[in-house]
Structure formats: C-alpha cells, structure tokens
C-alpha atoms as a PDB file:
ATOM      1  CA  UNK A   1     -13.970  35.166  -7.660  1.00  0.00           C
ATOM      2  CA  UNK A   2     -14.637  32.490  -5.007  1.00  0.00           C
ATOM      3  CA  UNK A   3     -12.098  29.650  -4.808  1.00  0.00           C
ATOM      4  CA  UNK A   4     -11.678  26.628  -2.574  1.00  0.00           C
ATOM      5  CA  UNK A   5      -9.582  28.698  -0.155  1.00  0.00           C
ATOM      6  CA  UNK A   6     -12.711  30.737   0.592  1.00  0.00           C
ATOM      7  CA  UNK A   7     -14.209  27.556   2.121  1.00  0.00           C
ATOM      8  CA  UNK A   8     -11.200  25.443   3.091  1.00  0.00           C
ATOM      9  CA  UNK A   9      -8.414  25.828   5.617  1.00  0.00           C
ATOM     10  CA  UNK A  10      -6.588  22.882   4.030  1.00  0.00           C
ATOM     11  CA  UNK A  11      -6.681  21.335   0.579  1.00  0.00           C
ATOM     12  CA  UNK A  12      -4.332  18.437  -0.089  1.00  0.00           C
ATOM     13  CA  UNK A  13      -3.749  15.464  -2.285  1.00  0.00           C
ATOM     14  CA  UNK A  14      -1.773  12.336  -1.471  1.00  0.00           C
ATOM     15  CA  UNK A  15      -1.405   8.672  -2.257  1.00  0.00           C
ATOM     16  CA  UNK A  16      -3.709   6.132  -0.701  1.00  0.00           C
ATOM     17  CA  UNK A  17      -1.516   3.281  -1.834  1.00  0.00           C
ATOM     18  CA  UNK A  18       0.261   2.938  -5.201  1.00  0.00           C
ATOM     19  CA  UNK A  19      -2.967   2.791  -7.213  1.00  0.00           C
ATOM     20  CA  UNK A  20      -5.172   5.389  -5.558  1.00  0.00           C
ATOM     21  CA  UNK A  21      -5.055   9.181  -5.349  1.00  0.00           C
ATOM     22  CA  UNK A  22      -6.990  10.946  -2.573  1.00  0.00           C
ATOM     23  CA  UNK A  23      -7.955  14.535  -1.904  1.00  0.00           C
ATOM     24  CA  UNK A  24      -8.937  16.144   1.391  1.00  0.00           C
ATOM     25  CA  UNK A  25     -10.884  19.397   1.565  1.00  0.00           C
ATOM     26  CA  UNK A  26     -11.043  20.566   5.189  1.00  0.00           C
ATOM     27  CA  UNK A  27     -13.305  23.565   5.768  1.00  0.00           C
ATOM     28  CA  UNK A  28     -12.807  26.549   8.039  1.00  0.00           C
ATOM     29  CA  UNK A  29     -16.026  26.023  10.006  1.00  0.00           C
ATOM     30  CA  UNK A  30     -19.479  24.477   9.786  1.00  0.00           C
ATOM     31  CA  UNK A  31     -20.901  27.341   7.717  1.00  0.00           C
ATOM     32  CA  UNK A  32     -18.074  27.021   5.178  1.00  0.00           C
ATOM     33  CA  UNK A  33     -18.559  23.261   5.011  1.00  0.00           C
ATOM     34  CA  UNK A  34     -22.306  23.560   4.407  1.00  0.00           C
ATOM     35  CA  UNK A  35     -21.792  26.272   1.800  1.00  0.00           C
ATOM     36  CA  UNK A  36     -19.126  24.274  -0.080  1.00  0.00           C
ATOM     37  CA  UNK A  37     -21.217  21.092  -0.135  1.00  0.00           C
ATOM     38  CA  UNK A  38     -24.282  23.110  -1.240  1.00  0.00           C
ATOM     39  CA  UNK A  39     -22.379  24.428  -4.309  1.00  0.00           C
ATOM     40  CA  UNK A  40     -21.997  20.900  -5.683  1.00  0.00           C
ATOM     41  CA  UNK A  41     -18.582  21.998  -7.014  1.00  0.00           C
ATOM     42  CA  UNK A  42     -16.781  18.921  -5.650  1.00  0.00           C
ATOM     43  CA  UNK A  43     -18.408  16.197  -7.703  1.00  0.00           C
ATOM     44  CA  UNK A  44     -17.401  13.000  -9.490  1.00  0.00           C
ATOM     45  CA  UNK A  45     -17.650  14.496 -12.949  1.00  0.00           C
ATOM     46  CA  UNK A  46     -15.173  17.272 -12.079  1.00  0.00           C
ATOM     47  CA  UNK A  47     -12.546  14.749 -10.992  1.00  0.00           C
ATOM     48  CA  UNK A  48     -13.350  12.370 -13.870  1.00  0.00           C
ATOM     49  CA  UNK A  49     -12.680  15.202 -16.301  1.00  0.00           C
ATOM     50  CA  UNK A  50      -9.506  16.470 -14.615  1.00  0.00           C
ATOM     51  CA  UNK A  51      -7.951  13.025 -14.220  1.00  0.00           C
ATOM     52  CA  UNK A  52      -9.426  11.289 -17.295  1.00  0.00           C
ATOM     53  CA  UNK A  53     -11.117   8.503 -15.379  1.00  0.00           C
ATOM     54  CA  UNK A  54     -14.517   6.893 -15.139  1.00  0.00           C
ATOM     55  CA  UNK A  55     -16.817   8.705 -12.672  1.00  0.00           C
ATOM     56  CA  UNK A  56     -18.012   5.326 -11.396  1.00  0.00           C
ATOM     57  CA  UNK A  57     -14.499   4.643 -10.088  1.00  0.00           C
ATOM     58  CA  UNK A  58     -14.511   7.780  -7.941  1.00  0.00           C
ATOM     59  CA  UNK A  59     -15.460   7.768  -4.263  1.00  0.00           C
ATOM     60  CA  UNK A  60     -16.680  11.098  -2.884  1.00  0.00           C
ATOM     61  CA  UNK A  61     -17.543  11.220   0.797  1.00  0.00           C
ATOM     62  CA  UNK A  62     -18.866  14.145   2.788  1.00  0.00           C
ATOM     63  CA  UNK A  63     -17.749  14.112   6.443  1.00  0.00           C
ATOM     64  CA  UNK A  64     -19.977  16.650   8.227  1.00  0.00           C
ATOM     65  CA  UNK A  65     -18.561  15.953  11.722  1.00  0.00           C
ATOM     66  CA  UNK A  66     -15.042  16.545  10.420  1.00  0.00           C
ATOM     67  CA  UNK A  67     -16.159  19.487   8.241  1.00  0.00           C
ATOM     68  CA  UNK A  68     -14.405  17.795   5.341  1.00  0.00           C
ATOM     69  CA  UNK A  69     -14.936  16.261   1.922  1.00  0.00           C
ATOM     70  CA  UNK A  70     -12.774  13.348   0.738  1.00  0.00           C
ATOM     71  CA  UNK A  71     -12.403  12.247  -2.878  1.00  0.00           C
ATOM     72  CA  UNK A  72     -10.522   9.107  -3.932  1.00  0.00           C
ATOM     73  CA  UNK A  73      -9.868   7.880  -7.457  1.00  0.00           C
ATOM     74  CA  UNK A  74      -7.476   5.663  -9.405  1.00  0.00           C
ATOM     75  CA  UNK A  75      -4.065   7.261  -9.914  1.00  0.00           C
ATOM     76  CA  UNK A  76      -3.475   8.233 -13.582  1.00  0.00           C
ATOM     77  CA  UNK A  77      -0.283   6.120 -13.422  1.00  0.00           C
ATOM     78  CA  UNK A  78       0.954   3.685 -10.802  1.00  0.00           C
ATOM     79  CA  UNK A  79       3.087   5.298  -8.122  1.00  0.00           C
ATOM     80  CA  UNK A  80       6.780   5.007  -8.918  1.00  0.00           C
ATOM     81  CA  UNK A  81       6.354   4.028 -12.568  1.00  0.00           C
ATOM     82  CA  UNK A  82       8.547   5.723 -15.174  1.00  0.00           C
ATOM     83  CA  UNK A  83       5.597   7.902 -16.198  1.00  0.00           C
ATOM     84  CA  UNK A  84       4.896   9.064 -12.636  1.00  0.00           C
ATOM     85  CA  UNK A  85       5.696  12.762 -12.350  1.00  0.00           C
ATOM     86  CA  UNK A  86       4.451  13.149  -8.734  1.00  0.00           C
ATOM     87  CA  UNK A  87       5.503  10.107  -6.744  1.00  0.00           C
ATOM     88  CA  UNK A  88       3.769  11.271  -3.538  1.00  0.00           C
ATOM     89  CA  UNK A  89       0.757  12.814  -5.334  1.00  0.00           C
ATOM     90  CA  UNK A  90       1.247  15.968  -3.256  1.00  0.00           C
ATOM     91  CA  UNK A  91       0.809  18.296  -6.235  1.00  0.00           C
ATOM     92  CA  UNK A  92      -2.355  16.872  -7.782  1.00  0.00           C
ATOM     93  CA  UNK A  93      -4.659  19.309  -6.020  1.00  0.00           C
ATOM     94  CA  UNK A  94      -3.050  22.366  -7.684  1.00  0.00           C
ATOM     95  CA  UNK A  95      -5.357  22.598 -10.737  1.00  0.00           C
ATOM     96  CA  UNK A  96      -8.331  22.893  -8.398  1.00  0.00           C
ATOM     97  CA  UNK A  97      -6.992  25.915  -6.571  1.00  0.00           C
ATOM     98  CA  UNK A  98      -7.498  28.429  -9.390  1.00  0.00           C
ATOM     99  CA  UNK A  99     -10.955  27.217 -10.373  1.00  0.00           C
ATOM    100  CA  UNK A 100     -13.941  29.360  -9.524  1.00  0.00           C
ATOM    101  CA  UNK A 101     -16.362  27.613  -7.177  1.00  0.00           C
ATOM    102  CA  UNK A 102     -19.820  28.177  -8.598  1.00  0.00           C
ATOM    103  CA  UNK A 103     -23.024  26.392  -7.714  1.00  0.00           C
ATOM    104  CA  UNK A 104     -23.757  23.374  -9.900  1.00  0.00           C
END
C-alpha cells in the first residue's frame, strides 16, 4: 500500500489564524513531488469530505520549486472555542496518513 509517506518527507497541519486550517505536504525530491501531484490524491473534494466543508472554500496550491503542496480551508470550529479539540491544529493531518494514495 502506498501512503503519503512514500512521497513526503514532512506532512503537517497547523493554524493559519483562528479561522483557517492549513496542510503542508513536502516531498522527498522532484520525482516524488511529480508523482504525488500526478496521482490527483490531494484534491479539494478529499478535504471537503474529511472536514465537512464546501470545496469552493478550499485553496489547494502546488509549489513545484518547493516540492510541496499546500491546502488551506476553514477550520471546522474557531480556534480556542469550547468545541475546539485541537487548539493548534497539529493533529488534523492524522486521518490522511493511513489512506492509500491511488491515482484519481
């Protein structure tokens, strides 16, 4: 089974302010980057489904010079609210780690 760790040296999630969640997928090398992007695995619909949000509110940017993909979306709850279970958003990437990366 191929996972994100096959392509990425670093996968992380974090806050981009109290209302936005962001993900960084930093690839091992140029070949890994090109292969990951070619799969189409990292797409707006995936994040819309996982985080129950509108795909039109998701920003997905490929950064070929940095060998990285960045995804930003509205946080499910505002940072620091009573319903916030991950104040720094550092654990939001975890569900992606066990998913099989297959071409779209």
